[in-house]
Amino acid sequence: MEQFNNVYVETSGTLPDFIERAVEIDEDRILFGSDAPYYRYAIQMAIINASEITQEAKQKVFYENFETLFPKDRITH
């Protein structure tokens, strides 16, 4: 993430330290991932919520970054 601005990360199987460091680099390039069914969805959400990042950054991780990367008006069926 530090070297290339086109690299995004997702959060499945990570710990709060990873999320906090990624937010320090660029909170706009982190996507929530649960890796279900291998990891429990609620636990992956709890890890994000336990991270010492702002509420705004959590919103970005949970859904805003995805919506920015994949806008509804550009998705075709």
C-alpha atoms as a PDB file:
ATOM      1  CA  MET A   1       0.000   0.000   0.000  1.00  0.00           C
ATOM      2  CA  GLU A   2       2.815   2.386   0.759  1.00  0.00           C
ATOM      3  CA  GLN A   3       4.629   1.838  -2.526  1.00  0.00           C
ATOM      4  CA  PHE A   4       1.725   1.503  -4.948  1.00  0.00           C
ATOM      5  CA  ASN A   5      -1.436   3.606  -4.837  1.00  0.00           C
ATOM      6  CA  ASN A   6      -3.434   1.051  -6.835  1.00  0.00           C
ATOM      7  CA  VAL A   7      -3.158  -1.671  -4.167  1.00  0.00           C
ATOM      8  CA  TYR A   8      -6.185  -2.368  -1.979  1.00  0.00           C
ATOM      9  CA  VAL A   9      -6.373  -4.680   1.036  1.00  0.00           C
ATOM     10  CA  GLU A  10      -9.220  -6.553   2.655  1.00  0.00           C
ATOM     11  CA  THR A  11      -9.628  -7.432   6.294  1.00  0.00           C
ATOM     12  CA  SER A  12     -10.513 -11.138   6.490  1.00  0.00           C
ATOM     13  CA  GLY A  13      -8.374 -13.037   8.965  1.00  0.00           C
ATOM     14  CA  THR A  14      -6.513  -9.936  10.117  1.00  0.00           C
ATOM     15  CA  LEU A  15      -6.021  -8.425  13.540  1.00  0.00           C
ATOM     16  CA  PRO A  16      -6.659  -4.879  14.754  1.00  0.00           C
ATOM     17  CA  ASP A  17      -2.964  -3.967  14.364  1.00  0.00           C
ATOM     18  CA  PHE A  18      -3.117  -4.662  10.616  1.00  0.00           C
ATOM     19  CA  ILE A  19      -6.245  -2.574  10.213  1.00  0.00           C
ATOM     20  CA  GLU A  20      -4.807   0.301  12.227  1.00  0.00           C
ATOM     21  CA  ARG A  21      -1.607   0.316  10.144  1.00  0.00           C
ATOM     22  CA  ALA A  22      -3.534   0.136   6.874  1.00  0.00           C
ATOM     23  CA  VAL A  23      -5.694   3.086   7.965  1.00  0.00           C
ATOM     24  CA  GLU A  24      -2.535   5.063   8.731  1.00  0.00           C
ATOM     25  CA  ILE A  25      -1.402   4.472   5.151  1.00  0.00           C
ATOM     26  CA  ASP A  26      -4.708   5.104   3.361  1.00  0.00           C
ATOM     27  CA  GLU A  27      -8.148   4.462   4.843  1.00  0.00           C
ATOM     28  CA  ASP A  28      -9.695   4.745   1.379  1.00  0.00           C
ATOM     29  CA  ARG A  29      -8.105   1.488   0.141  1.00  0.00           C
ATOM     30  CA  ILE A  30      -9.349  -0.989   2.737  1.00  0.00           C
ATOM     31  CA  LEU A  31     -12.338  -3.244   2.121  1.00  0.00           C
ATOM     32  CA  PHE A  32     -14.163  -5.320   4.710  1.00  0.00           C
ATOM     33  CA  GLY A  33     -13.761  -9.026   4.171  1.00  0.00           C
ATOM     34  CA  SER A  34     -15.143 -11.856   6.258  1.00  0.00           C
ATOM     35  CA  ASP A  35     -13.885 -14.866   4.262  1.00  0.00           C
ATOM     36  CA  ALA A  36     -17.093 -16.638   5.288  1.00  0.00           C
ATOM     37  CA  PRO A  37     -17.649 -19.508   5.900  1.00  0.00           C
ATOM     38  CA  TYR A  38     -14.039 -20.033   7.004  1.00  0.00           C
ATOM     39  CA  TYR A  39     -14.132 -17.158   9.475  1.00  0.00           C
ATOM     40  CA  ARG A  40     -17.175 -16.122  11.431  1.00  0.00           C
ATOM     41  CA  TYR A  41     -18.743 -12.946  10.081  1.00  0.00           C
ATOM     42  CA  ALA A  42     -19.508 -11.487  13.525  1.00  0.00           C
ATOM     43  CA  ILE A  43     -15.932 -12.004  14.701  1.00  0.00           C
ATOM     44  CA  GLN A  44     -14.518 -10.284  11.626  1.00  0.00           C
ATOM     45  CA  MET A  45     -16.828  -7.333  12.290  1.00  0.00           C
ATOM     46  CA  ALA A  46     -15.766  -7.286  15.963  1.00  0.00           C
ATOM     47  CA  ILE A  47     -12.105  -7.104  14.946  1.00  0.00           C
ATOM     48  CA  ILE A  48     -12.802  -3.967  12.901  1.00  0.00           C
ATOM     49  CA  ASN A  49     -14.836  -2.472  15.739  1.00  0.00           C
ATOM     50  CA  ALA A  50     -12.040  -3.281  18.226  1.00  0.00           C
ATOM     51  CA  SER A  51      -9.488  -1.470  16.082  1.00  0.00           C
ATOM     52  CA  GLU A  52      -8.388   1.904  17.364  1.00  0.00           C
ATOM     53  CA  ILE A  53      -9.518   3.821  14.289  1.00  0.00           C
ATOM     54  CA  THR A  54     -12.103   6.547  13.903  1.00  0.00           C
ATOM     55  CA  GLN A  55     -15.759   5.817  13.380  1.00  0.00           C
ATOM     56  CA  GLU A  56     -15.431   7.460   9.959  1.00  0.00           C
ATOM     57  CA  ALA A  57     -12.647   5.045   9.012  1.00  0.00           C
ATOM     58  CA  LYS A  58     -14.786   2.105  10.152  1.00  0.00           C
ATOM     59  CA  GLN A  59     -17.621   3.282   7.897  1.00  0.00           C
ATOM     60  CA  LYS A  60     -15.186   3.445   4.999  1.00  0.00           C
ATOM     61  CA  VAL A  61     -13.906  -0.061   5.689  1.00  0.00           C
ATOM     62  CA  PHE A  62     -17.353  -1.578   6.156  1.00  0.00           C
ATOM     63  CA  TYR A  63     -19.046  -0.115   3.086  1.00  0.00           C
ATOM     64  CA  GLU A  64     -18.071   3.330   1.765  1.00  0.00           C
ATOM     65  CA  ASN A  65     -14.835   2.209   0.087  1.00  0.00           C
ATOM     66  CA  PHE A  66     -16.665  -0.620  -1.689  1.00  0.00           C
ATOM     67  CA  GLU A  67     -19.380   1.757  -2.876  1.00  0.00           C
ATOM     68  CA  THR A  68     -16.718   4.144  -4.189  1.00  0.00           C
ATOM     69  CA  LEU A  69     -14.817   1.391  -5.975  1.00  0.00           C
ATOM     70  CA  PHE A  70     -17.958  -0.239  -7.380  1.00  0.00           C
ATOM     71  CA  PRO A  71     -20.604   2.478  -7.848  1.00  0.00           C
ATOM     72  CA  LYS A  72     -24.139   1.181  -8.320  1.00  0.00           C
ATOM     73  CA  ASP A  73     -24.611   3.067 -11.579  1.00  0.00           C
ATOM     74  CA  ARG A  74     -21.670   1.204 -13.145  1.00  0.00           C
ATOM     75  CA  ILE A  75     -22.782  -2.315 -12.224  1.00  0.00           C
ATOM     76  CA  THR A  76     -24.548  -4.178 -15.011  1.00  0.00           C
ATOM     77  CA  HIS A  77     -26.563  -7.340 -14.655  1.00  0.00           C
END
